[in-house]
Protein backbone atom coordinates (compact mmCIF):
# COMPACT_ATOMS: atom_id res chain seq x y z
CA MET A 1 17.37 2.45 -25.89
CA PRO A 2 16.40 1.32 -22.37
CA LYS A 3 14.33 -1.81 -22.03
CA TYR A 4 10.62 -0.95 -21.85
CA GLY A 5 11.01 2.80 -22.21
CA ASP A 6 8.56 5.32 -23.63
CA GLN A 7 8.48 3.78 -27.11
CA ASN A 8 9.48 0.10 -26.97
CA TYR A 9 7.14 -1.13 -24.26
CA LYS A 10 5.01 -3.26 -26.59
CA GLN A 11 7.62 -6.02 -26.51
CA ALA A 12 7.06 -6.56 -22.77
CA ASP A 13 6.40 -10.26 -22.20
CA PHE A 14 7.42 -10.89 -18.61
CA ILE A 15 3.90 -11.87 -17.55
CA ASN A 16 3.96 -15.29 -19.15
CA HIS A 17 0.29 -16.14 -19.59
CA GLU A 18 1.05 -19.52 -21.13
CA LEU A 19 3.30 -20.57 -18.24
CA ILE A 20 0.80 -19.38 -15.64
CA GLY A 21 -1.93 -21.33 -17.42
CA GLU A 22 0.20 -24.50 -17.44
CA ILE A 23 0.98 -24.14 -13.73
CA LEU A 24 -2.65 -23.55 -12.80
CA THR A 25 -3.74 -26.58 -14.82
CA LYS A 26 -1.05 -28.74 -13.24
CA THR A 27 -2.02 -27.65 -9.71
CA GLU A 28 -5.78 -27.73 -10.19
CA VAL A 29 -5.79 -30.90 -8.10
CA VAL A 30 -3.06 -31.29 -5.47
CA THR A 31 -2.55 -33.70 -2.61
CA GLU A 32 -2.43 -32.88 1.08
CA SER A 33 1.18 -34.04 1.14
CA GLN A 34 2.12 -31.61 -1.66
CA ILE A 35 0.65 -28.71 0.30
CA ALA A 36 2.38 -29.81 3.51
CA SER A 37 5.68 -30.12 1.65
CA VAL A 38 5.49 -26.56 0.31
CA ILE A 39 4.59 -25.17 3.73
CA GLU A 40 7.61 -26.97 5.19
CA LYS A 41 9.81 -25.58 2.40
CA ALA A 42 8.49 -22.06 3.06
CA LYS A 43 9.64 -22.26 6.69
CA HIS A 44 13.25 -22.16 5.49
CA ARG A 45 12.63 -18.81 3.75
CA ASN A 46 14.72 -19.62 0.72
CA GLY A 47 12.03 -18.65 -1.75
CA LEU A 48 9.14 -20.42 -3.41
CA SER A 49 8.66 -21.30 -7.07
CA TYR A 50 5.58 -20.25 -8.99
CA GLU A 51 4.38 -23.83 -8.79
CA ASP A 52 4.93 -23.89 -5.02
CA ILE A 53 2.77 -20.79 -4.65
CA ALA A 54 0.07 -22.26 -6.86
CA ILE A 55 0.05 -25.39 -4.71
CA ILE A 56 -0.47 -23.65 -1.37
CA LEU A 57 -3.11 -21.40 -2.91
CA GLN A 58 -5.13 -24.63 -3.15
CA ALA A 59 -5.00 -25.21 0.62
CA THR A 60 -8.40 -25.68 2.27
CA ASN A 61 -7.58 -28.07 5.11
CA PRO A 62 -7.97 -26.12 8.39
CA ASN A 63 -4.69 -27.52 9.73
CA HIS A 64 -2.80 -26.39 6.62
CA LEU A 65 -4.43 -22.97 6.73
CA LYS A 66 -3.45 -22.60 10.37
CA MET A 67 0.14 -23.46 9.46
CA ILE A 68 0.09 -20.89 6.65
CA TYR A 69 -1.30 -18.18 8.94
CA ASN A 70 1.17 -18.98 11.69
CA LEU A 71 4.12 -18.90 9.30
CA ALA A 72 2.97 -15.58 7.81
CA ALA A 73 2.68 -14.15 11.33
CA GLU A 74 6.18 -15.38 12.23
CA ILE A 75 7.68 -13.87 9.08
CA LYS A 76 5.94 -10.55 9.61
CA GLN A 77 7.04 -10.37 13.25
CA SER A 78 10.66 -11.19 12.41
CA ILE A 79 10.90 -8.44 9.78
CA TYR A 80 8.40 -5.75 10.74
CA GLY A 81 7.94 -6.44 14.43
CA ASN A 82 4.59 -5.24 15.75
CA ARG A 83 4.57 -1.83 14.11
CA VAL A 84 1.82 -0.79 11.69
CA VAL A 85 2.31 2.21 9.40
CA LEU A 86 -0.68 4.54 9.01
CA PHE A 87 -1.60 6.83 6.11
CA ALA A 88 -4.58 8.42 4.39
CA PRO A 89 -5.48 8.96 0.73
CA LEU A 90 -5.91 12.47 -0.69
CA TYR A 91 -8.05 12.65 -3.85
CA VAL A 92 -7.38 15.85 -5.79
CA SER A 93 -9.05 15.30 -9.20
CA ASN A 94 -11.83 13.09 -10.55
CA TYR A 95 -11.41 14.17 -14.15
CA CYS A 96 -10.82 10.95 -16.09
CA VAL A 97 -10.74 10.08 -19.77
CA ASN A 98 -10.90 6.35 -19.07
CA ASN A 99 -13.98 4.17 -18.96
CA CYS A 100 -12.89 1.49 -16.49
CA VAL A 101 -15.93 -0.73 -16.06
CA TYR A 102 -15.54 -1.11 -12.28
CA CYS A 103 -14.73 2.50 -11.30
CA GLY A 104 -16.98 5.25 -9.98
CA TYR A 105 -14.91 7.89 -11.79
CA LYS A 106 -15.31 6.32 -15.24
CA ARG A 107 -15.98 8.59 -18.19
CA ASP A 108 -19.57 7.44 -18.73
CA ASN A 109 -20.63 8.35 -15.20
CA LYS A 110 -22.23 11.77 -15.39
CA PHE A 111 -21.45 14.03 -12.47
CA ALA A 112 -19.79 17.39 -11.99
CA ARG A 113 -16.06 16.80 -12.41
CA ARG A 114 -13.61 18.83 -10.39
CA LYS A 115 -10.03 19.19 -9.33
CA LEU A 116 -8.93 20.99 -6.21
CA THR A 117 -7.57 24.51 -6.34
CA GLU A 118 -4.55 25.46 -4.24
CA PRO A 119 -6.71 26.83 -1.38
CA GLU A 120 -8.80 23.64 -1.46
CA ILE A 121 -5.71 21.42 -1.41
CA ARG A 122 -4.38 23.37 1.56
CA GLU A 123 -7.69 22.96 3.39
CA GLU A 124 -7.72 19.19 2.78
CA VAL A 125 -4.11 18.94 3.98
CA ARG A 126 -4.90 20.95 7.12
CA ILE A 127 -7.78 18.59 7.92
CA LEU A 128 -5.49 15.57 7.43
CA GLU A 129 -2.87 17.19 9.61
CA SER A 130 -5.48 17.87 12.28
CA MET A 131 -6.08 14.09 12.38
CA GLY A 132 -2.36 13.57 13.03
CA HIS A 133 -1.47 12.19 9.62
CA LYS A 134 2.13 12.48 8.43
CA ARG A 135 1.94 10.25 5.34
CA ILE A 136 -0.57 10.44 2.49
CA ALA A 137 -1.25 8.80 -0.84
CA LEU A 138 -2.04 11.38 -3.52
CA GLU A 139 -4.76 10.10 -5.88
CA ALA A 140 -6.03 11.46 -9.20
CA GLY A 141 -7.88 10.25 -12.28
CA GLU A 142 -6.19 10.18 -15.68
CA ASP A 143 -6.81 13.28 -17.78
CA PRO A 144 -3.80 14.74 -19.62
CA VAL A 145 -5.61 18.06 -20.16
CA ASN A 146 -7.38 18.71 -16.86
CA CYS A 147 -4.91 16.93 -14.58
CA ASP A 148 -1.47 16.95 -16.17
CA ILE A 149 1.86 16.16 -14.54
CA ASP A 150 2.49 19.82 -13.73
CA TYR A 151 -0.69 19.90 -11.65
CA ILE A 152 0.47 16.82 -9.72
CA VAL A 153 3.94 18.28 -9.18
CA ASP A 154 2.45 21.56 -7.98
CA THR A 155 0.12 19.64 -5.67
CA LEU A 156 3.13 17.95 -4.09
CA ARG A 157 4.70 21.36 -3.51
CA ILE A 158 1.55 22.59 -1.81
CA ILE A 159 1.25 19.48 0.37
CA TYR A 160 4.79 19.75 1.66
CA ASP A 161 4.46 23.51 2.07
CA GLU A 162 1.28 23.41 4.17
CA VAL A 163 2.56 23.11 7.75
CA SER A 164 0.09 23.30 10.62
CA GLU A 165 0.91 24.23 14.19
CA ASN A 166 1.28 20.64 15.39
CA SER A 167 1.74 18.68 12.19
CA ASN A 168 2.95 18.47 8.63
CA ILE A 169 2.87 15.90 5.84
CA ARG A 170 6.32 14.34 5.71
CA ARG A 171 5.83 11.79 2.93
CA ALA A 172 3.48 11.94 -0.05
CA ASN A 173 3.17 8.79 -2.11
CA VAL A 174 1.59 9.22 -5.53
CA ASN A 175 -0.95 7.02 -7.31
CA ILE A 176 -1.42 8.33 -10.85
CA ALA A 177 -1.63 6.80 -14.31
CA SER A 178 1.28 5.23 -16.14
CA THR A 179 3.39 7.99 -17.73
CA THR A 180 6.73 8.85 -19.34
CA ILE A 181 10.27 8.68 -18.03
CA GLU A 182 10.45 12.48 -18.17
CA ASN A 183 7.34 12.78 -16.02
CA TYR A 184 8.71 10.32 -13.47
CA GLU A 185 11.84 12.46 -13.31
CA LYS A 186 9.60 15.42 -12.48
CA LEU A 187 7.96 13.43 -9.67
CA LYS A 188 11.39 12.50 -8.35
CA ALA A 189 12.46 16.15 -8.29
CA ALA A 190 9.22 17.08 -6.50
CA GLY A 191 9.98 14.73 -3.59
CA ILE A 192 7.64 11.82 -4.27
CA GLY A 193 7.64 8.98 -1.77
CA THR A 194 6.51 5.70 -3.34
CA TYR A 195 5.01 5.61 -6.82
CA ILE A 196 1.89 3.45 -6.62
CA LEU A 197 0.09 1.90 -9.56
CA PHE A 198 -2.35 -0.99 -9.51
CA GLN A 199 -2.25 -3.28 -12.51
CA GLU A 200 -5.91 -3.97 -11.65
CA THR A 201 -5.66 -7.34 -13.44
CA TYR A 202 -2.64 -8.99 -15.05
CA HIS A 203 -4.87 -11.18 -17.21
CA LYS A 204 -4.61 -9.39 -20.56
CA PRO A 205 -7.99 -10.37 -22.07
CA THR A 206 -9.75 -9.33 -18.87
CA TYR A 207 -7.68 -6.14 -18.66
CA GLU A 208 -8.74 -5.09 -22.16
CA LYS A 209 -12.38 -5.93 -21.40
CA MET A 210 -12.29 -3.86 -18.19
CA HIS A 211 -10.74 -0.80 -19.89
CA PRO A 212 -12.63 -0.27 -23.18
CA LYS A 213 -11.76 2.69 -25.41
CA SER A 214 -9.44 4.13 -22.77
CA LEU A 215 -5.89 5.45 -22.56
CA LYS A 216 -5.50 3.00 -19.71
CA GLY A 217 -6.52 0.19 -22.07
CA ASP A 218 -2.95 -0.19 -23.38
CA TYR A 219 -1.99 -3.27 -21.34
CA GLU A 220 1.74 -3.18 -22.01
CA TYR A 221 2.10 0.57 -21.38
CA HIS A 222 0.41 0.17 -18.01
CA LEU A 223 2.40 -2.97 -17.22
CA THR A 224 5.78 -1.32 -17.87
CA ALA A 225 5.11 1.82 -15.83
CA PHE A 226 7.50 0.72 -13.07
CA ASP A 227 10.29 0.15 -15.59
CA ARG A 228 9.96 3.76 -16.73
CA ALA A 229 9.57 4.99 -13.16
CA MET A 230 12.83 3.35 -12.13
CA GLN A 231 14.55 4.68 -15.25
CA GLY A 232 13.26 8.09 -14.14
CA GLY A 233 15.05 7.72 -10.81
CA LEU A 234 12.26 6.53 -8.53
CA ASP A 235 13.47 4.12 -5.86
CA ASP A 236 10.22 2.72 -4.49
CA VAL A 237 7.24 1.39 -6.41
CA GLY A 238 4.03 -0.07 -5.04
CA ALA A 239 1.98 -2.62 -6.96
CA GLY A 240 -1.56 -3.84 -6.55
CA VAL A 241 -4.26 -6.08 -7.98
CA LEU A 242 -7.99 -5.41 -7.78
CA PHE A 243 -9.08 -8.85 -6.62
CA GLY A 244 -12.40 -9.81 -8.16
CA LEU A 245 -11.71 -8.98 -11.80
CA SER A 246 -10.03 -12.27 -12.73
CA ASP A 247 -8.91 -15.61 -11.25
CA TYR A 248 -7.07 -14.75 -8.04
CA ARG A 249 -4.58 -17.58 -8.59
CA PHE A 250 -3.54 -16.06 -11.93
CA GLU A 251 -3.20 -12.64 -10.28
CA VAL A 252 -0.97 -13.87 -7.45
CA LEU A 253 1.40 -15.69 -9.81
CA ALA A 254 1.51 -12.68 -12.13
CA LEU A 255 2.33 -10.40 -9.20
CA MET A 256 5.27 -12.69 -8.41
CA MET A 257 6.41 -12.61 -12.04
CA HIS A 258 6.26 -8.82 -12.09
CA ASN A 259 8.24 -8.60 -8.87
CA ALA A 260 10.86 -11.02 -10.21
CA HIS A 261 11.15 -8.96 -13.41
CA LEU A 262 11.87 -5.79 -11.44
CA GLU A 263 14.40 -7.52 -9.21
CA SER A 264 16.18 -8.98 -12.23
CA ASN A 265 16.22 -5.78 -14.29
CA HIS A 266 16.37 -3.01 -11.67
CA GLY A 267 17.85 -4.66 -8.59
CA VAL A 268 14.77 -4.28 -6.39
CA GLY A 269 11.16 -5.39 -6.55
CA PHE A 270 7.97 -3.98 -5.10
CA HIS A 271 8.29 -1.79 -2.02
CA THR A 272 4.63 -2.47 -1.28
CA ILE A 273 1.74 -4.55 -2.55
CA SER A 274 -1.84 -3.34 -2.08
CA VAL A 275 -4.63 -5.90 -1.92
CA PRO A 276 -7.93 -4.14 -2.66
CA ARG A 277 -11.04 -6.19 -3.31
CA LEU A 278 -13.63 -5.08 -5.81
CA LYS A 279 -16.31 -2.94 -4.13
CA LYS A 280 -19.57 -1.39 -5.22
CA ALA A 281 -19.12 1.85 -7.17
CA GLU A 282 -21.42 4.16 -9.12
CA GLY A 283 -22.37 2.66 -12.48
CA MET A 284 -21.58 -0.99 -11.71
CA GLU A 285 -23.07 -3.96 -9.85
CA LEU A 286 -20.99 -6.60 -8.10
CA LYS A 287 -23.27 -9.36 -9.39
CA GLU A 288 -21.80 -8.76 -12.85
CA TYR A 289 -18.39 -10.10 -11.74
CA ASP A 290 -17.62 -13.82 -11.66
CA HIS A 291 -14.34 -13.77 -9.73
CA LEU A 292 -15.29 -12.15 -6.42
CA ILE A 293 -13.47 -13.74 -3.48
CA ASP A 294 -14.84 -14.49 -0.04
CA ASP A 295 -13.21 -13.52 3.24
CA ASP A 296 -11.51 -16.85 3.82
CA THR A 297 -9.91 -16.85 0.37
CA PHE A 298 -8.85 -13.24 0.82
CA LYS A 299 -7.16 -13.98 4.14
CA LYS A 300 -5.33 -16.91 2.56
CA ILE A 301 -4.10 -14.73 -0.30
CA VAL A 302 -2.68 -12.10 2.06
CA ALA A 303 -0.90 -14.70 4.19
CA ILE A 304 0.62 -16.40 1.13
CA LEU A 305 1.81 -13.05 -0.24
CA ARG A 306 3.56 -12.40 3.06
CA ILE A 307 5.28 -15.79 2.82
CA ALA A 308 6.18 -15.36 -0.87
CA VAL A 309 7.59 -11.80 -0.61
CA PRO A 310 8.65 -11.46 3.03
CA PHE A 311 10.29 -8.04 2.73
CA THR A 312 7.53 -6.28 0.79
CA GLY A 313 5.04 -4.14 2.69
CA ILE A 314 1.39 -5.18 2.37
CA ILE A 315 -1.22 -2.42 2.39
CA LEU A 316 -4.86 -2.82 3.37
CA SER A 317 -7.32 0.03 2.88
CA THR A 318 -10.63 0.99 4.45
CA ARG A 319 -12.38 -0.99 1.68
CA GLU A 320 -12.22 -3.80 4.25
CA THR A 321 -14.09 -4.04 7.54
CA LYS A 322 -12.56 -3.39 10.92
CA GLU A 323 -12.74 -7.11 11.69
CA ILE A 324 -10.95 -8.23 8.51
CA ARG A 325 -8.29 -5.53 8.93
CA ASN A 326 -7.64 -6.51 12.54
CA GLU A 327 -7.29 -10.17 11.64
CA LEU A 328 -4.99 -9.62 8.68
CA LEU A 329 -2.62 -7.50 10.73
CA HIS A 330 -1.60 -10.79 12.31
CA HIS A 331 -1.16 -12.55 8.97
CA GLY A 332 0.91 -10.14 6.93
CA VAL A 333 -0.50 -6.62 6.57
CA SER A 334 1.99 -3.91 7.59
CA GLN A 335 0.26 -0.68 6.47
CA LEU A 336 -3.29 0.60 7.01
CA SER A 337 -5.18 3.62 5.81
CA ALA A 338 -7.17 5.37 8.55
CA GLY A 339 -9.94 7.96 8.54
CA SER A 340 -10.08 7.76 4.75
CA CYS A 341 -12.26 9.75 2.36
CA THR A 342 -12.33 8.57 -1.26
CA GLY A 343 -13.82 11.63 -2.92
CA VAL A 344 -12.21 14.78 -4.29
CA GLY A 345 -12.30 17.33 -1.51
CA GLY A 346 -13.70 14.49 0.57
CA TYR A 347 -12.35 15.52 3.96
CA LYS A 348 -14.05 18.91 3.85
CA GLU A 349 -17.16 17.49 2.20
CA ASN A 350 -17.31 14.65 4.71
CA GLU A 351 -17.74 17.26 7.40
CA MET A 352 -20.67 18.59 5.32
CA GLU A 353 -21.92 15.08 4.34
CA GLU A 354 -21.56 15.87 0.61
CA GLU A 355 -18.74 13.51 -0.39
CA ILE A 356 -18.82 11.79 -3.83
CA LYS A 357 -16.79 8.59 -3.42
CA GLN A 358 -14.76 6.60 -5.94
CA PHE A 359 -15.88 3.42 -4.14
CA THR A 360 -17.55 2.50 -0.86
CA ILE A 361 -15.50 2.03 2.29
CA SER A 362 -16.16 -0.39 5.13
CA ASP A 363 -14.03 0.83 8.04
CA GLU A 364 -15.15 4.34 8.95
CA ARG A 365 -13.27 4.66 12.23
CA SER A 366 -11.34 7.85 12.89
CA PRO A 367 -7.54 7.69 13.03
CA LEU A 368 -7.74 8.04 16.81
CA GLU A 369 -10.08 5.05 17.02
CA VAL A 370 -7.81 3.00 14.74
CA ILE A 371 -4.78 3.88 16.87
CA LYS A 372 -6.52 2.88 20.08
CA GLY A 373 -7.56 -0.40 18.50
CA LEU A 374 -4.00 -1.14 17.36
CA ILE A 375 -2.60 -0.49 20.82
CA ASN A 376 -5.25 -2.68 22.42
CA ASP A 377 -4.17 -5.49 20.07
CA GLY A 378 -0.49 -5.00 20.90
CA PHE A 379 0.56 -3.16 17.73
CA ILE A 380 2.59 0.04 17.57
CA PRO A 381 0.86 2.64 15.36
CA SER A 382 3.57 4.34 13.32
CA HIS A 383 3.62 7.67 11.49
CA CYS A 384 7.32 7.29 10.74
CA THR A 385 8.69 8.64 7.46
CA SER A 386 12.38 8.60 8.34
CA CYS A 387 13.53 5.98 5.80
CA TYR A 388 12.45 8.21 2.93
CA ARG A 389 14.19 11.26 4.41
CA MET A 390 17.35 9.35 5.36
CA GLY A 391 17.72 7.70 1.96
CA ARG A 392 16.75 4.24 3.19
CA THR A 393 14.80 3.50 0.00
CA GLY A 394 14.91 1.06 -2.90
CA ASP A 395 17.64 -1.56 -2.66
CA ARG A 396 19.07 0.17 0.42
CA PHE A 397 15.85 -0.43 2.33
CA MET A 398 15.66 -4.03 1.11
CA SER A 399 19.23 -4.78 2.21
CA LEU A 400 18.42 -3.50 5.71
CA ALA A 401 15.17 -5.47 5.78
CA LYS A 402 16.84 -8.70 4.68
CA THR A 403 19.51 -8.47 7.38
CA GLY A 404 17.02 -7.49 10.07
CA ALA A 405 18.84 -4.20 10.69
CA ILE A 406 15.75 -2.17 9.77
CA GLN A 407 14.22 -3.15 13.12
CA HIS A 408 16.84 -1.00 14.86
CA VAL A 409 15.23 2.12 13.40
CA CYS A 410 11.63 1.20 12.57
CA GLN A 411 10.48 0.10 16.02
CA PRO A 412 12.15 3.00 17.87
CA ASN A 413 10.84 5.55 15.37
CA ALA A 414 7.34 4.09 15.60
CA LEU A 415 7.39 4.58 19.37
CA MET A 416 8.52 8.19 19.05
CA THR A 417 5.87 9.02 16.46
CA LEU A 418 3.24 7.42 18.72
CA LYS A 419 4.33 9.62 21.58
CA GLU A 420 4.25 12.68 19.34
CA TYR A 421 0.74 11.77 18.17
CA ALA A 422 -0.51 11.26 21.72
CA LEU A 423 0.86 14.61 22.87
CA ASP A 424 -0.61 16.55 19.96
CA PHE A 425 -3.80 14.68 19.04
CA GLY A 426 -4.59 12.14 21.74
CA ASP A 427 -7.63 12.35 23.97
CA GLU A 428 -7.42 11.77 27.70
CA GLU A 429 -7.94 8.03 27.33
CA LEU A 430 -5.00 7.67 24.93
CA LYS A 431 -2.74 9.96 26.93
CA ALA A 432 -3.46 7.97 30.08
CA SER A 433 -2.51 4.65 28.48
CA VAL A 434 0.17 5.39 25.93
CA ASP A 435 3.16 5.87 28.25
CA GLY A 436 2.73 2.47 29.85
CA PHE A 437 2.40 0.85 26.43
CA ILE A 438 5.52 2.61 25.15
CA GLU A 439 7.51 1.57 28.22
CA SER A 440 6.53 -2.06 27.67
CA GLN A 441 7.75 -1.83 24.07
CA ILE A 442 11.03 -0.12 24.99
CA GLU A 443 11.91 -3.15 27.09
CA LYS A 444 11.86 -5.24 23.91
CA ILE A 445 14.59 -3.12 22.25
CA GLN A 446 17.70 -5.28 22.34
CA ARG A 447 20.44 -2.71 21.79
CA ASP A 448 21.13 -0.50 24.80
CA ASP A 449 22.38 2.39 22.66
CA ILE A 450 19.13 2.43 20.68
CA LYS A 451 17.09 2.14 23.86
CA SER A 452 18.87 5.17 25.32
CA LYS A 453 18.24 7.21 22.19
CA VAL A 454 14.54 6.39 22.31
CA ILE A 455 14.26 7.32 25.98
CA GLN A 456 15.98 10.63 25.27
CA GLY A 457 13.79 11.23 22.24
CA LEU A 458 10.64 10.64 24.26
CA SER A 459 11.86 13.12 26.85
CA ASP A 460 12.62 15.70 24.16
CA LEU A 461 9.10 15.23 22.73
CA THR A 462 7.59 15.87 26.15
CA ASP A 463 9.68 19.03 26.35
CA GLY A 464 8.20 20.31 23.09
CA LYS A 465 10.54 19.09 20.36
CA ARG A 466 9.00 17.38 17.34
CA ASP A 467 9.92 15.14 14.41
CA ILE A 468 12.60 13.13 16.21
CA TYR A 469 13.84 10.02 14.46
CA LEU A 470 16.81 7.73 13.99
């Protein structure tokens, strides 16, 4: 029987609460020299221990924080360059049997539940495509009757099938509840991108308190979802913690333990980590939560995650403000959502101002506005999905990232997707500025053969070809 399969998951013990507690107690008070020593160690990029991470999480000295931010920026630039991947969520069902205390979709909230029909899914996809999106995150509540795996699989078929005149969705990541190996095999066959699942909180007592009388309340079943997903053939998994439910120091160390468990048992850890903060939702009040984190702490967490797991993508959603998102792009974030709606059928209903949201969002800029902002700050907006389609996933992606070879495809592909976006969806302002920006970025490509391919690709895009990638 595989370790942590459909039946034997209860024995999962890789989040060592006792060890985390001992480390947090030991590092409750640390010296300035201890923090400086860990920062110096991190510069060598040979990995940090759990205790090291706990020590730098205690940093408050402005000079130390500056060093942490600068190191995170250097690491991000060396691996990801200045590209930023863009995506949007697509909510298809708010049926949910769970009663998660913090969630607007919880069972006790009384509103008209719905899931999208095929025509409605197609309409949402067409709206997303009209914004220029190529990558989405499919979202649904947990309801085995009203939103089963066959509905999700069929939704993936519809998404990939719905091709507009100037666009199509080329990668659909999926964020659904923990499920069985057989169901993950179905997702694999349907062409899933990354399987995303937030642990919400790794602190078991808090987890059980936050998920009363719920299917999701089985801590170990939720925790071992990625083990079953990988046994079901999925290459890429994306983790996340909802910061604000428990002690952020515990959550960061537990994230590292989970990542180490996957690397040890499956050969590859998280493809991405999402860092949502708790936000106001229907049926809850933020004042009821004792572990909310301020902006400065949040920025420190993101930078330390970038240092601790250099090759893992970090995702920041529209929960955060434009200002926070812009700042954290420099300190570790590599993926942003843009133009997001967090309600079922939200893109159509947003046009009609009728959207029912899972949670409130803070950055309401359109994708075009986000793209202009990224360019103004020197970042390359990327709609690239080539790694998924070329098999550069899982441990294959990580090996390319760790050697730096991934830059030879990611930066060039980002430039070509930016050109494609500008041609098909850009306004006059973007079209007038984008060519000069792209030319300045081409000059930074070190390999002449890659540079030539990009120049030819840009020419082919101007001539009407689409979806060009290395």
